Each structure stands twice: as structure tokens, then as C-alpha cells.
Protein backbone atom coordinates (compact mmCIF):
# COMPACT_ATOMS: atom_id res chain seq x y z
CA UNK A 1 17.63 -37.01 5.84
CA UNK A 2 15.31 -36.39 8.80
CA UNK A 3 14.65 -32.88 7.49
CA UNK A 4 13.74 -34.30 4.08
CA UNK A 5 11.35 -36.77 5.69
CA UNK A 6 9.75 -34.03 7.75
CA UNK A 7 9.35 -31.91 4.64
CA UNK A 8 7.76 -34.87 2.83
CA UNK A 9 5.28 -35.38 5.65
CA UNK A 10 4.35 -31.72 5.67
CA UNK A 11 3.88 -31.65 1.89
CA UNK A 12 1.79 -34.82 1.97
CA UNK A 13 -0.34 -33.34 4.72
CA UNK A 14 -0.90 -30.19 2.71
CA UNK A 15 -1.88 -32.22 -0.37
CA UNK A 16 -4.39 -34.30 1.61
CA UNK A 17 -5.79 -31.20 3.28
CA UNK A 18 -6.05 -29.47 -0.08
CA UNK A 19 -7.95 -32.46 -1.46
CA UNK A 20 -10.43 -32.29 1.39
CA UNK A 21 -10.86 -28.54 1.08
CA UNK A 22 -11.26 -28.83 -2.70
CA UNK A 23 -14.22 -31.10 -2.19
CA UNK A 24 -15.77 -28.59 0.18
CA UNK A 25 -15.00 -25.38 -1.66
CA UNK A 26 -13.22 -26.03 -4.94
CA UNK A 27 -13.84 -22.55 -6.32
CA UNK A 28 -11.90 -20.91 -3.48
CA UNK A 29 -9.03 -23.34 -3.76
CA UNK A 30 -8.90 -22.74 -7.50
CA UNK A 31 -8.67 -19.02 -6.74
CA UNK A 32 -5.86 -19.72 -4.28
CA UNK A 33 -4.00 -21.76 -6.89
CA UNK A 34 -4.42 -18.97 -9.44
CA UNK A 35 -3.12 -16.43 -6.94
CA UNK A 36 -0.06 -18.50 -6.04
CA UNK A 37 0.74 -19.13 -9.70
CA UNK A 38 0.40 -15.40 -10.42
CA UNK A 39 3.15 -14.63 -7.92
CA UNK A 40 5.81 -16.79 -9.52
CA UNK A 41 8.76 -14.60 -10.49
CA UNK A 42 8.21 -15.06 -14.21
CA UNK A 43 4.55 -14.04 -13.92
CA UNK A 44 4.89 -10.94 -11.75
CA UNK A 45 4.91 -8.31 -14.49
CA UNK A 46 1.81 -9.77 -16.13
CA UNK A 47 0.04 -10.20 -12.79
CA UNK A 48 0.66 -6.63 -11.67
CA UNK A 49 -0.70 -5.29 -14.96
CA UNK A 50 -3.75 -7.57 -15.18
CA UNK A 51 -4.97 -8.08 -11.62
CA UNK A 52 -8.63 -7.21 -12.38
CA UNK A 53 -8.62 -10.04 -14.93
CA UNK A 54 -7.13 -12.52 -12.46
CA UNK A 55 -8.85 -11.66 -9.18
CA UNK A 56 -12.39 -10.56 -8.31
CA UNK A 57 -12.52 -6.77 -8.10
CA UNK A 58 -14.90 -3.86 -7.66
CA UNK A 59 -14.75 -0.93 -10.05
CA UNK A 60 -14.13 2.62 -8.86
CA UNK A 61 -15.48 4.80 -11.65
CA UNK A 62 -13.72 7.93 -12.80
CA UNK A 63 -15.71 11.13 -13.21
CA UNK A 64 -16.25 13.08 -16.40
CA UNK A 65 -13.54 15.68 -15.88
CA UNK A 66 -9.85 14.79 -16.11
CA UNK A 67 -7.03 16.82 -14.63
CA UNK A 68 -4.42 16.96 -17.36
CA UNK A 69 -0.73 17.23 -16.63
CA UNK A 70 1.30 19.15 -19.18
CA UNK A 71 3.89 16.99 -20.94
CA UNK A 72 7.34 17.65 -22.30
CA UNK A 73 9.66 15.35 -24.16
CA UNK A 74 11.46 13.02 -21.78
CA UNK A 75 14.28 14.80 -20.02
CA UNK A 76 17.59 13.11 -19.39
CA UNK A 77 17.48 11.68 -15.90
CA UNK A 78 20.38 11.96 -13.46
CA UNK A 79 23.21 9.77 -14.69
CA UNK A 80 23.31 7.86 -11.45
CA UNK A 81 23.47 8.03 -7.68
CA UNK A 82 25.53 6.69 -4.79
CA UNK A 83 24.47 4.62 -1.82
CA UNK A 84 26.89 3.36 0.81
CA UNK A 85 29.88 4.24 -1.40
CA UNK A 86 28.53 2.28 -4.36
CA UNK A 87 27.65 4.10 -7.58
CA UNK A 88 24.51 2.99 -9.44
CA UNK A 89 24.02 4.17 -13.05
CA UNK A 90 20.38 5.17 -13.52
CA UNK A 91 19.73 3.07 -16.63
CA UNK A 92 21.12 -0.04 -14.93
CA UNK A 93 19.16 0.63 -11.75
CA UNK A 94 15.88 0.98 -13.63
CA UNK A 95 16.56 -2.27 -15.50
CA UNK A 96 17.92 -4.27 -12.57
CA UNK A 97 14.98 -3.40 -10.30
CA UNK A 98 12.59 -4.78 -12.95
CA UNK A 99 10.85 -1.44 -13.46
CA UNK A 100 7.57 -1.77 -15.36
CA UNK A 101 6.73 1.96 -15.51
CA UNK A 102 8.04 5.26 -14.23
CA UNK A 103 6.85 8.84 -14.36
CA UNK A 104 8.50 12.03 -13.10
CA UNK A 105 6.37 15.15 -12.68
CA UNK A 106 7.50 18.61 -11.61
CA UNK A 107 5.07 21.50 -11.08
CA UNK A 108 2.33 19.52 -12.89
CA UNK A 109 4.56 18.94 -15.93
CA UNK A 110 5.45 15.39 -16.94
CA UNK A 111 9.22 15.49 -17.40
CA UNK A 112 9.73 11.77 -17.96
CA UNK A 113 7.37 8.86 -18.63
CA UNK A 114 8.32 5.39 -19.76
CA UNK A 115 6.76 1.93 -19.77
CA UNK A 116 8.44 -1.45 -19.86
CA UNK A 117 7.38 -5.11 -19.97
CA UNK A 118 4.19 -4.50 -21.89
CA UNK A 119 2.53 -1.60 -20.08
CA UNK A 120 1.36 1.76 -21.37
CA UNK A 121 -0.56 4.85 -20.27
CA UNK A 122 -3.80 2.85 -20.05
CA UNK A 123 -2.37 0.01 -17.96
CA UNK A 124 -3.63 -0.42 -14.40
CA UNK A 125 -0.74 -1.32 -12.11
CA UNK A 126 -1.22 -3.15 -8.81
CA UNK A 127 -0.71 -0.97 -5.77
CA UNK A 128 0.20 -3.74 -3.36
CA UNK A 129 0.80 -1.88 -0.08
CA UNK A 130 0.73 1.54 -1.74
CA UNK A 131 -3.01 1.06 -1.30
CA UNK A 132 -2.59 1.59 2.43
CA UNK A 133 -2.04 5.29 1.81
CA UNK A 134 -5.39 5.49 0.00
CA UNK A 135 -7.09 3.90 3.02
CA UNK A 136 -5.44 6.51 5.22
CA UNK A 137 -6.94 9.24 3.02
CA UNK A 138 -10.39 7.66 3.28
CA UNK A 139 -10.04 7.57 7.06
CA UNK A 140 -9.19 11.29 7.02
CA UNK A 141 -12.32 12.00 5.02
CA UNK A 142 -14.46 9.83 7.30
CA UNK A 143 -13.17 11.77 10.33
CA UNK A 144 -13.74 15.12 8.60
CA UNK A 145 -17.31 14.14 7.77
CA UNK A 146 -18.00 12.98 11.32
CA UNK A 147 -18.59 9.33 10.51
CA UNK A 148 -15.61 8.57 12.75
CA UNK A 149 -15.63 10.86 15.75
CA UNK A 150 -11.91 10.82 16.44
CA UNK A 151 -8.79 8.76 15.78
CA UNK A 152 -8.53 8.53 19.55
CA UNK A 153 -11.70 6.40 19.59
CA UNK A 154 -11.20 2.76 20.61
CA UNK A 155 -11.48 0.06 17.95
CA UNK A 156 -14.33 -1.61 19.80
CA UNK A 157 -16.55 1.40 19.15
CA UNK A 158 -16.67 0.51 15.46
CA UNK A 159 -15.81 -3.20 15.33
CA UNK A 160 -18.21 -5.43 17.30
CA UNK A 161 -15.92 -8.47 16.95
CA UNK A 162 -13.35 -6.72 19.15
CA UNK A 163 -15.70 -5.99 22.05
CA UNK A 164 -14.65 -8.00 25.09
CA UNK A 165 -11.20 -8.74 23.64
CA UNK A 166 -7.78 -7.25 24.30
CA UNK A 167 -8.12 -5.26 21.08
CA UNK A 168 -11.23 -3.37 22.15
CA UNK A 169 -9.50 -0.34 23.69
CA UNK A 170 -6.71 0.15 21.13
CA UNK A 171 -7.01 3.67 19.62
CA UNK A 172 -7.58 4.04 15.88
CA UNK A 173 -4.50 6.27 15.70
CA UNK A 174 -2.32 3.38 16.86
CA UNK A 175 -3.40 1.35 13.83
CA UNK A 176 -2.76 4.29 11.52
CA UNK A 177 0.79 4.48 12.87
CA UNK A 178 1.42 0.71 12.86
CA UNK A 179 1.86 0.86 16.62
CA UNK A 180 -1.24 -1.03 17.77
CA UNK A 181 0.59 -3.64 19.84
CA UNK A 182 -1.39 -6.51 18.30
CA UNK A 183 0.39 -9.85 18.62
CA UNK A 184 0.93 -10.44 14.91
CA UNK A 185 4.09 -11.04 12.88
CA UNK A 186 3.96 -9.85 9.26
CA UNK A 187 6.47 -12.48 8.14
CA UNK A 188 5.17 -15.57 9.93
CA UNK A 189 1.44 -14.96 10.47
CA UNK A 190 0.30 -13.47 7.16
CA UNK A 191 -0.06 -16.77 5.31
CA UNK A 192 -2.28 -18.19 8.03
CA UNK A 193 -4.38 -15.04 8.12
CA UNK A 194 -4.80 -15.07 4.35
CA UNK A 195 -5.76 -18.74 4.26
CA UNK A 196 -8.40 -18.36 6.98
CA UNK A 197 -9.99 -15.34 5.36
CA UNK A 198 -9.86 -16.92 1.90
CA UNK A 199 -11.74 -19.91 3.26
CA UNK A 200 -14.50 -17.67 4.55
CA UNK A 201 -13.70 -16.62 8.12
CA UNK A 202 -14.37 -12.86 8.48
CA UNK A 203 -11.11 -10.96 8.83
CA UNK A 204 -12.09 -9.21 12.06
CA UNK A 205 -12.90 -12.54 13.73
CA UNK A 206 -9.45 -13.83 12.79
CA UNK A 207 -7.72 -10.66 14.01
CA UNK A 208 -9.65 -10.61 17.30
CA UNK A 209 -7.96 -13.85 18.34
CA UNK A 210 -4.39 -12.57 18.03
CA UNK A 211 -4.49 -10.58 21.26
CA UNK A 212 -1.84 -7.99 22.12
CA UNK A 213 1.87 -8.22 22.87
CA UNK A 214 2.37 -4.69 24.25
CA UNK A 215 0.57 -1.44 24.95
CA UNK A 216 -0.24 0.79 21.94
CA UNK A 217 2.52 3.20 20.87
CA UNK A 218 5.25 1.11 22.53
CA UNK A 219 6.79 -0.04 19.24
CA UNK A 220 6.15 0.34 15.55
CA UNK A 221 5.58 -3.05 14.00
CA UNK A 222 4.58 -3.16 10.34
CA UNK A 223 1.37 -5.21 10.32
CA UNK A 224 -0.94 -5.17 7.31
CA UNK A 225 -3.84 -6.24 9.52
CA UNK A 226 -3.78 -2.72 11.00
CA UNK A 227 -4.92 -1.45 7.60
CA UNK A 228 -7.58 -4.14 7.38
CA UNK A 229 -8.90 -2.83 10.69
CA UNK A 230 -8.93 0.73 9.35
CA UNK A 231 -10.85 -0.41 6.30
CA UNK A 232 -13.46 -2.13 8.43
CA UNK A 233 -13.87 0.95 10.61
CA UNK A 234 -14.50 3.06 7.52
CA UNK A 235 -17.09 0.68 6.09
CA UNK A 236 -18.88 0.21 9.42
CA UNK A 237 -18.89 3.93 10.19
CA UNK A 238 -19.99 5.14 6.75
CA UNK A 239 -22.25 2.27 5.75
CA UNK A 240 -20.43 2.20 2.40
CA UNK A 241 -17.95 -0.19 0.91
CA UNK A 242 -14.41 1.12 0.51
CA UNK A 243 -14.76 1.25 -3.27
CA UNK A 244 -18.06 3.16 -3.08
CA UNK A 245 -16.74 5.61 -0.52
CA UNK A 246 -13.51 6.15 -2.44
CA UNK A 247 -15.34 6.69 -5.72
CA UNK A 248 -17.54 9.46 -4.35
CA UNK A 249 -15.32 11.14 -1.79
CA UNK A 250 -11.84 10.82 -3.31
CA UNK A 251 -11.52 9.31 -6.76
CA UNK A 252 -13.88 11.48 -8.78
CA UNK A 253 -12.68 14.56 -6.93
CA UNK A 254 -9.05 14.22 -8.06
CA UNK A 255 -10.20 14.02 -11.71
CA UNK A 256 -8.53 10.73 -12.73
CA UNK A 257 -8.25 9.59 -16.32
CA UNK A 258 -9.11 5.92 -15.70
CA UNK A 259 -11.41 3.78 -13.61
CA UNK A 260 -9.61 2.02 -10.77
CA UNK A 261 -10.33 -1.43 -9.33
CA UNK A 262 -10.20 -2.80 -5.80
CA UNK A 263 -9.40 -6.49 -5.28
CA UNK A 264 -11.98 -8.38 -3.22
CA UNK A 265 -11.48 -11.06 -0.58
CA UNK A 266 -14.74 -12.86 0.13
CA UNK A 267 -16.61 -9.97 -1.44
CA UNK A 268 -14.85 -7.31 0.66
CA UNK A 269 -12.19 -4.88 -0.51
CA UNK A 270 -8.68 -5.89 0.53
CA UNK A 271 -7.73 -2.78 2.47
CA UNK A 272 -4.12 -3.80 3.00
CA UNK A 273 -3.27 -3.33 -0.65
CA UNK A 274 -5.65 -4.30 -3.43
CA UNK A 275 -5.91 -1.33 -5.78
CA UNK A 276 -5.17 -1.28 -9.51
CA UNK A 277 -4.51 2.24 -10.80
CA UNK A 278 -2.88 3.81 -13.85
CA UNK A 279 0.53 5.43 -13.48
CA UNK A 280 -0.72 8.98 -14.03
CA UNK A 281 -3.63 8.46 -11.66
CA UNK A 282 -1.23 7.40 -8.90
CA UNK A 283 0.46 10.74 -9.57
CA UNK A 284 -2.87 12.56 -9.35
CA UNK A 285 -3.40 11.03 -5.90
CA UNK A 286 0.12 12.08 -4.87
CA UNK A 287 -0.66 15.60 -6.08
CA UNK A 288 -3.48 15.79 -3.51
CA UNK A 289 -0.95 15.33 -0.69
CA UNK A 290 1.66 17.54 -2.35
CA UNK A 291 -0.96 20.32 -2.22
CA UNK A 292 -1.84 19.62 1.44
CA UNK A 293 -5.20 18.02 0.70
CA UNK A 294 -6.41 20.65 -1.76
CA UNK A 295 -7.37 19.87 -5.34
CA UNK A 296 -8.13 22.73 -7.70
CA UNK A 297 -9.49 24.88 -4.91
CA UNK A 298 -11.45 22.19 -3.06
CA UNK A 299 -10.15 20.95 0.29
CA UNK A 300 -10.74 17.21 -0.12
CA UNK A 301 -8.59 16.29 2.86
CA UNK A 302 -8.15 18.58 5.86
CA UNK A 303 -4.72 20.21 5.81
CA UNK A 304 -4.24 19.08 9.41
CA UNK A 305 -4.84 15.46 8.40
CA UNK A 306 -2.08 15.65 5.79
CA UNK A 307 0.27 17.20 8.33
CA UNK A 308 -0.56 14.54 10.93
CA UNK A 309 -0.12 11.84 8.31
CA UNK A 310 3.49 12.87 7.77
CA UNK A 311 4.37 13.50 11.42
CA UNK A 312 7.13 11.16 12.60
CA UNK A 313 8.10 13.04 15.77
CA UNK A 314 7.24 10.14 18.12
CA UNK A 315 10.19 7.89 18.92
CA UNK A 316 8.47 4.80 17.48
CA UNK A 317 7.71 6.68 14.22
CA UNK A 318 11.24 7.84 13.48
CA UNK A 319 13.60 6.20 10.98
CA UNK A 320 15.48 3.36 12.60
CA UNK A 321 12.92 2.76 15.37
CA UNK A 322 13.34 -0.63 17.07
CA UNK A 323 16.39 -1.28 14.87
CA UNK A 324 13.92 -3.24 12.77
CA UNK A 325 14.42 -3.94 9.05
CA UNK A 326 10.86 -2.74 8.42
CA UNK A 327 11.63 0.56 10.14
CA UNK A 328 14.63 1.97 8.29
CA UNK A 329 12.28 4.73 7.10
CA UNK A 330 9.94 6.73 9.33
CA UNK A 331 6.20 6.05 9.33
CA UNK A 332 3.18 8.31 9.75
CA UNK A 333 -0.46 7.58 8.93
CA UNK A 334 0.22 4.78 6.42
CA UNK A 335 2.86 6.90 4.68
CA UNK A 336 6.63 6.36 4.78
CA UNK A 337 8.76 9.39 5.65
CA UNK A 338 12.54 9.16 5.09
CA UNK A 339 15.13 11.00 7.13
CA UNK A 340 15.96 14.41 5.70
CA UNK A 341 14.81 18.02 5.53
CA UNK A 342 13.05 18.07 2.14
CA UNK A 343 9.69 16.97 3.55
CA UNK A 344 9.67 13.83 1.39
CA UNK A 345 7.12 11.08 1.83
CA UNK A 346 6.32 7.82 0.06
CA UNK A 347 3.83 5.04 -0.45
CA UNK A 348 5.59 1.69 -0.87
CA UNK A 349 4.34 -1.68 -2.06
CA UNK A 350 6.01 -5.09 -2.19
CA UNK A 351 7.86 -6.10 -5.35
CA UNK A 352 8.91 -2.48 -5.89
CA UNK A 353 5.89 -0.18 -6.09
CA UNK A 354 6.60 3.46 -5.23
CA UNK A 355 4.96 6.85 -4.96
CA UNK A 356 7.61 9.42 -4.02
CA UNK A 357 6.74 13.06 -3.26
CA UNK A 358 9.32 15.80 -2.75
CA UNK A 359 7.57 19.04 -1.66
CA UNK A 360 10.80 21.06 -1.71
CA UNK A 361 11.40 20.35 -5.39
CA UNK A 362 7.67 20.01 -6.15
CA UNK A 363 8.40 16.63 -7.71
CA UNK A 364 6.26 13.48 -7.87
CA UNK A 365 7.77 10.16 -8.97
CA UNK A 366 5.77 6.97 -9.46
CA UNK A 367 7.71 3.77 -10.15
CA UNK A 368 6.10 0.36 -10.53
CA UNK A 369 8.11 -2.85 -10.69
CA UNK A 370 7.98 -6.62 -10.77
CA UNK A 371 11.10 -7.16 -8.71
CA UNK A 372 11.40 -10.47 -6.81
CA UNK A 373 14.51 -9.09 -5.07
CA UNK A 374 12.61 -6.37 -3.21
CA UNK A 375 13.66 -7.79 0.17
CA UNK A 376 17.37 -7.19 -0.45
CA UNK A 377 19.17 -5.30 2.29
CA UNK A 378 19.04 -1.56 1.68
CA UNK A 379 16.46 -1.85 -1.10
CA UNK A 380 14.25 0.97 0.19
CA UNK A 381 17.09 3.34 1.08
CA UNK A 382 18.73 2.81 -2.31
CA UNK A 383 15.47 3.85 -3.93
CA UNK A 384 15.28 6.95 -1.75
CA UNK A 385 18.70 8.03 -3.01
CA UNK A 386 17.67 7.26 -6.57
CA UNK A 387 14.52 9.37 -6.27
CA UNK A 388 16.47 12.22 -4.69
CA UNK A 389 18.96 12.21 -7.53
CA UNK A 390 16.16 12.27 -10.10
CA UNK A 391 14.23 14.98 -8.24
CA UNK A 392 17.32 17.19 -7.94
CA UNK A 393 18.13 16.88 -11.64
CA UNK A 394 14.79 17.56 -13.33
């Protein structure tokens, strides 16, 4: 009974606070309500296919040329795969993980492509945290162009809000590797961070107050604010917004078929995961990394940057570091790298968004989902085994 009373008090307090805030900034609270409603389980598929209609976004225009994959009739995928002595039939796995779209490409040939829950080739699917890998690419370009001198530079060199704080001397590389040491918990602090920024407090001012809990490179702790920091460094160093910089330096160069959109928070691109991209265009981005930063003869990303991005040799980068649920898979520069010798790497987003690249088999798989059960134990590792089975069979 006491717990029920406490819950009632908390809810009443939230309602009163919401009423006060509504009077001060009703438009932002309406946006918050829309966002929360969009993330109800029954609305996920629609939300992840219509984000630019729901949230404010900035367009990233495609160029005139389009790189065209060849296409064959859908091949028969591997019948199934095993994980921890349990066999999962492929058709059931695709259905049970609420897959909204999936494409399998080998040697630039589309071997399989299918859409579910209303999507098609023209649909723009939300990246969620897959967008972090795009930010990593933009950082690589900014370093190559000299806007950012080095990933060893301290954060305070590019972010004035951090000067005089414990975050000032953290190296950029530590944020790339999710090993910054910032005192932030992804599970318990993200709601507060999001609320403060939604209500108008600049993200860097919020982050500056968290302080540090350990020296950089001590542990790998998955913190989306690290990517927000990277995004701010890029915009401050280049003088361009993330969408503008991506359009010129990355998007048009990989010859996408569709415009992309970047979700805005208080007029600024949400670096931690706000892209909306078509399925084939996700694959075109993956192709850039599969080919070590080269696209049709042009070196868009330095080969060394791609190699560094996938390096998990440090103890904190390896699979299983810290015995943390977030760390079952290795982590490089905003890319996930599973254990194995095939050179695989992945971009992963909440609710089941995946870019999987297997250089040994020259296979790219993109799988989008609307799966509310994405936090189940073993969810990521089951997908790795699924992708391996598919890649081996095509």
C-alpha cells in the first residue's frame, strides 16, 4: 500500500509539473507527448517508418547519380541457426523479432530483399543508434580534412562548455570508443538528459555537469552522450551542421537513391541516433566500410580510419569487457565488432535495427525491426548467429 501511495504522489507531481510546463512551453510538451505516444509497442512500426512526419528533421539531399546494386530473385535463406543449443528457424526468427525490412547483398548483388508491416523500397527507416556509426564516419572526414587536428585532442579544445570542468581533458578518442569515463548511466540518466535538452538547455551544458567517474580508457560504458559530444565537436570544428556536412562530404559521395533526414532536438541534429534512411541506402553506407573507405575509386574515408574504427585490441574494447550486458560484443569507433575471425562489424540500434558487414564473405545485411523485446538476454548474440548463417548460405 505504501508503494502505491508513493507512486500516486509521484504521478500527481508529474501531472502538476506538466501543467506548469505546458503553460510555459506547450509546444515542446506537445512534442514530448507525441514522442512518448510514438514509442508505444503498437505504434513502433509506424513510427520507425514515418519519423520525418512525426518529429522535426533536416533533409540530407541525395545527389544526381545513384549507385545501383544488381538484383536477383530472392534466394532461399538458411533454414535456421543455433544459439546456445536452441535451434531457431529463419522464418520464425524474422517474424518473432518484428522485422520490418531486410536486405542481403553479396558482391554488390541483392540476393534477398523483403519488406513487412507496410514498408517498401522508398520507405525511410529510423536508424536509432545505427546513426552513431554515421557520426563516426563524419569525424573521420573532419580529421582527414584537418578541421579536427587529432582524436587525441582534448574535448575542451572544441567545446567551450567543458573548459574548466572535469571533462575538459578527456581525449576525443575516448568518446569514440565509449570509454570517456563520464559519470553517466545510459539506463538511469537518459530520461533526465532528454527532458532537460527538450526543454531548451543546451546538451553540452547538461553533459558538463555530470563530471567523471574514472580516468578515460579504464572501462567501456555505453553512453549515448559520447556521440552527442562527437557531433558537437564536428559542428564546432567545421562550422557546418551535421546534416550539411554529411550531405556534402558523405551522402552525395556514396550515390544514394533517396534523401535522408536527421531528427532535430531544439534545432540541432540528434547525433546519438536520429537518421531516417532507406534500406538500400543503409547498405550503400555499409559498402563504404566494406571497401575500406573507398567508393568507386574515391577515398572518402581514410583506410586507416576504417581500420582504427574496427580495432578492438584494447582490453576495454573486447567482447565481454567489464562483464557488462552492453559489452557482450566488442566496440571500436562507434561500430560493434563481434568475436570471430571473419572481420565482421555492425551498427546496432534499439528496437532491432542492424547493419551487418562480413568482409570474408563480402556480404552486407541490413535488418530493421519494431521489436519491443530487444532487451531480451542474448538478443544481440542471437542476431549475430542469424546473420552468420545467412551470410554463409548466400
